[in-house]
Amino acid sequence: MEARTTGLADGDGGLRVKVRPMAPGDKAAVGEFLAVVAAELGSALGARMLWRPWFLLLLGCGFALLAASSRSLLLPLLVLALFLAVGRPALAHVWALYAHRDMSLGVGAPGATGFQFWVAEDAGGSVVGMVGVSGVGESGDGELELRSLAVGPEHRGHGVGRALCQAVLCFARGCSGCRAVVLDTHMLHSPAQRLFSSLGFHPGPACLQPTLSGFLADLPVTRYHYALTGNNTEDNSPAGED
């Protein structure tokens, strides 16, 4: 089932967008959005990781060992400065690759099932954002997962993300057996969290991901839940949300 095309005029810029199902020709533009969002997330996660207690302890132990073995502070200070200069971009790059792989799951993959993606076009026909869902047509708990929401930096704050999310909710209402839409997000996505709350999504308790990456980043993840009965998705958020 395809979501109907929607129009939106929102935000101070008065940007009008049309939301439609993703086509093969959109792959290049979508790839650019995902790369930008993944790089932003990677940079934020890399910086956060540098201040984790276990990381600071590791740096302190390494500094102490170098100082003891060299009997000088100059060498460990130089090594520490070099490590921070190289390590932070390296950490950001690793996290960006991780985020990009997760967000790209099912995008343009031949034979991928259970996914549906949409893009937002501006008045000139340029793709300015995307969103997807997973769990389409799969039996289970009746939930669709909203994922891969991405809006170009220059088009944020004009309601593009809202239009994309509304297309997902419209699609979910037409899916037989679907009872809820869920998504996972964290504190680095605070503007998106405000958008989800304004649309009627309700947050659950925050918890760390039970994975190595979750432990390393120490970044609590919150699952938002939207029940398809008794909710209103009309635009009731302040202008300026994505």
Protein backbone atom coordinates (compact mmCIF):
# COMPACT_ATOMS: atom_id res chain seq x y z
CA MET A 1 0.00 0.00 0.00
CA GLU A 2 1.30 3.47 -0.87
CA ALA A 3 0.75 6.58 1.17
CA ARG A 4 -1.08 9.33 -0.64
CA THR A 5 0.92 12.32 -1.81
CA THR A 6 0.69 15.16 0.69
CA GLY A 7 1.41 18.86 0.60
CA LEU A 8 2.60 21.08 3.43
CA ALA A 9 3.31 24.75 4.04
CA ASP A 10 4.91 25.13 7.45
CA GLY A 11 7.59 27.13 9.24
CA ASP A 12 8.79 30.68 8.79
CA GLY A 13 10.24 29.92 5.35
CA GLY A 14 6.85 28.81 3.93
CA LEU A 15 8.47 25.78 2.30
CA ARG A 16 6.02 23.62 0.35
CA VAL A 17 6.85 19.96 -0.08
CA LYS A 18 5.24 16.93 -1.69
CA VAL A 19 5.71 13.53 -0.08
CA ARG A 20 5.74 10.50 -2.37
CA PRO A 21 7.05 6.91 -2.33
CA MET A 22 10.76 6.66 -3.01
CA ALA A 23 11.69 5.83 -6.62
CA PRO A 24 14.90 4.23 -7.98
CA GLY A 25 16.02 7.62 -9.29
CA ASP A 26 16.04 9.04 -5.77
CA LYS A 27 18.84 6.77 -4.57
CA ALA A 28 21.66 9.31 -5.09
CA ALA A 29 19.85 12.15 -3.27
CA VAL A 30 18.81 9.82 -0.45
CA GLY A 31 22.40 8.62 -0.09
CA GLU A 32 23.55 12.23 0.37
CA PHE A 33 21.01 12.84 3.17
CA LEU A 34 21.98 9.67 4.97
CA ALA A 35 25.69 10.50 4.69
CA VAL A 36 25.15 14.00 6.16
CA VAL A 37 23.01 12.77 9.06
CA ALA A 38 25.39 9.88 9.77
CA ALA A 39 28.38 12.25 9.80
CA GLU A 40 26.60 14.59 12.23
CA LEU A 41 25.73 11.71 14.51
CA GLY A 42 29.22 10.26 14.25
CA SER A 43 30.81 13.57 15.24
CA ALA A 44 28.51 13.96 18.25
CA LEU A 45 29.05 10.36 19.39
CA GLY A 46 32.82 10.62 18.92
CA ALA A 47 32.98 13.74 21.08
CA ARG A 48 30.75 12.12 23.73
CA MET A 49 32.89 9.01 23.84
CA LEU A 50 36.02 11.01 24.70
CA TRP A 51 34.42 11.95 28.04
CA ARG A 52 33.29 8.48 29.07
CA PRO A 53 34.84 7.41 32.43
CA TRP A 54 36.32 4.22 30.98
CA PHE A 55 37.94 6.20 28.15
CA LEU A 56 39.39 8.80 30.51
CA LEU A 57 40.70 6.00 32.74
CA LEU A 58 42.37 4.37 29.73
CA LEU A 59 43.99 7.67 28.74
CA GLY A 60 45.16 8.28 32.30
CA CYS A 61 46.73 4.83 32.60
CA GLY A 62 48.47 5.22 29.25
CA PHE A 63 49.78 8.66 30.20
CA ALA A 64 51.08 7.36 33.54
CA LEU A 65 52.85 4.40 31.92
CA LEU A 66 54.52 6.61 29.32
CA ALA A 67 55.57 9.15 31.95
CA ALA A 68 57.05 6.41 34.14
CA SER A 69 58.91 4.71 31.30
CA SER A 70 60.27 7.90 29.70
CA ARG A 71 60.87 9.75 32.99
CA SER A 72 59.65 12.87 31.25
CA LEU A 73 56.33 14.60 30.73
CA LEU A 74 57.16 15.83 27.24
CA LEU A 75 56.78 12.50 25.46
CA PRO A 76 53.44 11.50 27.06
CA LEU A 77 52.07 15.00 26.44
CA LEU A 78 53.01 14.80 22.76
CA VAL A 79 51.52 11.32 22.45
CA LEU A 80 48.35 12.45 24.19
CA ALA A 81 47.99 15.49 21.92
CA LEU A 82 48.58 13.35 18.82
CA PHE A 83 46.10 10.75 20.01
CA LEU A 84 43.38 13.34 20.61
CA ALA A 85 44.08 15.05 17.27
CA VAL A 86 43.79 11.77 15.37
CA GLY A 87 41.54 9.78 17.67
CA ARG A 88 38.52 12.05 17.71
CA PRO A 89 38.10 12.19 13.90
CA ALA A 90 38.73 8.45 13.78
CA LEU A 91 36.05 7.78 16.39
CA ALA A 92 33.65 10.10 14.56
CA HIS A 93 34.31 8.27 11.29
CA VAL A 94 33.71 4.85 12.85
CA TRP A 95 30.45 5.97 14.44
CA ALA A 96 29.37 7.61 11.17
CA LEU A 97 29.90 4.33 9.31
CA TYR A 98 27.89 2.51 11.96
CA ALA A 99 25.03 5.02 11.79
CA HIS A 100 25.05 5.07 7.99
CA ARG A 101 24.84 1.27 7.79
CA ASP A 102 21.91 1.22 10.21
CA MET A 103 19.98 4.01 8.47
CA SER A 104 20.67 2.58 5.00
CA LEU A 105 19.20 -0.82 5.86
CA GLY A 106 16.72 -1.70 3.13
CA VAL A 107 17.32 1.47 1.07
CA GLY A 108 17.67 0.46 -2.57
CA ALA A 109 18.62 -3.10 -1.62
CA PRO A 110 17.49 -5.58 -4.30
CA GLY A 111 14.99 -8.03 -2.86
CA ALA A 112 14.71 -6.24 0.49
CA THR A 113 11.34 -7.00 2.06
CA GLY A 114 9.46 -5.42 4.90
CA PHE A 115 10.57 -1.86 4.10
CA GLN A 116 8.81 1.18 2.66
CA PHE A 117 10.44 4.57 2.01
CA TRP A 118 9.20 8.03 1.10
CA VAL A 119 10.89 11.24 -0.04
CA ALA A 120 9.86 14.89 0.22
CA GLU A 121 10.16 17.11 -2.86
CA ASP A 122 10.21 20.88 -2.89
CA ALA A 123 8.43 23.01 -5.49
CA GLY A 124 11.37 22.62 -7.87
CA GLY A 125 11.27 18.82 -7.75
CA SER A 126 14.42 18.47 -5.64
CA VAL A 127 14.44 15.78 -2.95
CA VAL A 128 14.87 17.49 0.44
CA GLY A 129 14.15 14.68 2.90
CA MET A 130 13.32 11.01 3.39
CA VAL A 131 11.80 8.57 5.87
CA GLY A 132 11.08 4.86 6.01
CA VAL A 133 9.37 2.11 7.95
CA SER A 134 10.28 -1.51 8.56
CA GLY A 135 8.09 -4.47 9.47
CA VAL A 136 5.74 -4.00 6.51
CA GLY A 137 3.79 -7.17 5.78
CA GLU A 138 5.45 -9.10 8.57
CA SER A 139 3.50 -11.02 11.17
CA GLY A 140 4.21 -10.35 14.82
CA ASP A 141 3.19 -7.71 17.33
CA GLY A 142 1.40 -5.41 14.87
CA GLU A 143 4.07 -2.68 15.01
CA LEU A 144 5.77 -0.73 12.25
CA GLU A 145 9.10 0.93 13.04
CA LEU A 146 9.71 4.45 11.76
CA ARG A 147 13.35 4.77 10.72
CA SER A 148 15.85 6.69 8.58
CA LEU A 149 14.23 10.13 9.02
CA ALA A 150 16.61 12.57 7.36
CA VAL A 151 16.18 16.17 6.16
CA GLY A 152 18.79 18.25 4.36
CA PRO A 153 20.45 20.81 6.69
CA GLU A 154 19.26 23.79 4.67
CA HIS A 155 15.63 22.59 4.76
CA ARG A 156 15.31 21.83 8.47
CA GLY A 157 12.89 23.79 10.60
CA HIS A 158 10.28 24.15 7.83
CA GLY A 159 7.99 21.19 8.53
CA VAL A 160 9.61 18.70 6.15
CA GLY A 161 10.14 16.10 8.87
CA ARG A 162 6.55 16.57 10.02
CA ALA A 163 5.18 15.93 6.53
CA LEU A 164 7.29 12.78 6.23
CA CYS A 165 6.16 11.44 9.61
CA GLN A 166 2.53 12.14 8.74
CA ALA A 167 2.95 10.10 5.55
CA VAL A 168 4.22 7.19 7.65
CA LEU A 169 1.25 7.42 10.02
CA CYS A 170 -1.15 7.59 7.07
CA PHE A 171 0.46 4.48 5.60
CA ALA A 172 0.32 2.65 8.94
CA ARG A 173 -3.42 3.30 9.30
CA GLY A 174 -3.99 1.52 6.01
CA CYS A 175 -1.93 -1.55 6.95
CA SER A 176 -4.08 -4.46 8.03
CA GLY A 177 -3.23 -5.61 11.55
CA CYS A 178 -0.99 -2.65 12.34
CA ARG A 179 -1.75 -1.34 15.82
CA ALA A 180 1.19 1.01 16.50
CA VAL A 181 4.18 2.85 15.06
CA VAL A 182 7.38 2.82 17.12
CA LEU A 183 10.82 4.35 16.82
CA ASP A 184 14.07 4.52 18.78
CA THR A 185 15.87 7.79 19.46
CA HIS A 186 18.25 9.35 21.98
CA MET A 187 19.23 12.66 23.56
CA LEU A 188 21.32 13.75 20.57
CA HIS A 189 18.07 13.92 18.59
CA SER A 190 16.26 16.41 20.82
CA PRO A 191 14.63 18.40 17.94
CA ALA A 192 13.29 15.13 16.50
CA GLN A 193 12.03 14.10 19.93
CA ARG A 194 10.03 17.33 20.19
CA LEU A 195 8.55 16.63 16.76
CA PHE A 196 7.57 13.07 17.68
CA SER A 197 5.96 14.22 20.92
CA SER A 198 3.93 16.88 19.10
CA LEU A 199 2.65 14.24 16.67
CA GLY A 200 1.33 12.07 19.49
CA PHE A 201 4.22 9.65 20.06
CA HIS A 202 4.71 8.71 23.72
CA PRO A 203 8.20 7.97 25.11
CA GLY A 204 8.97 4.90 27.16
CA PRO A 205 11.75 4.59 29.73
CA ALA A 206 15.27 5.29 28.46
CA CYS A 207 17.73 2.41 28.57
CA LEU A 208 21.15 1.52 27.20
CA GLN A 209 21.29 -0.65 24.12
CA PRO A 210 22.39 -4.19 25.12
CA THR A 211 25.24 -4.07 22.60
CA LEU A 212 28.93 -3.21 22.63
CA SER A 213 28.23 0.06 20.83
CA GLY A 214 25.61 0.95 23.44
CA PHE A 215 28.08 0.34 26.24
CA LEU A 216 30.91 2.27 24.57
CA ALA A 217 28.79 5.34 23.82
CA ASP A 218 26.82 5.14 27.09
CA LEU A 219 23.90 6.75 25.25
CA PRO A 220 20.43 5.87 26.61
CA VAL A 221 17.89 5.08 23.88
CA THR A 222 14.20 5.91 24.22
CA ARG A 223 11.50 4.01 22.35
CA TYR A 224 8.60 6.21 21.26
CA HIS A 225 5.20 4.60 20.70
CA TYR A 226 2.23 5.82 18.67
CA ALA A 227 -1.03 3.89 19.09
CA LEU A 228 -3.16 4.01 15.95
CA THR A 229 -6.38 4.49 17.91
CA GLY A 230 -7.23 7.59 19.91
CA ASN A 231 -4.41 9.79 18.57
CA ASN A 232 -4.56 13.02 16.62
CA THR A 233 -1.76 13.83 14.19
CA GLU A 234 -2.85 17.32 13.27
CA ASP A 235 -0.10 19.93 13.23
CA ASN A 236 0.02 21.28 16.80
CA SER A 237 3.71 21.96 17.25
CA PRO A 238 5.44 25.36 17.19
CA ALA A 239 6.77 26.48 13.83
CA GLY A 240 10.38 25.61 13.32
CA GLU A 241 10.27 21.86 14.02
CA ASP A 242 11.57 19.56 11.32
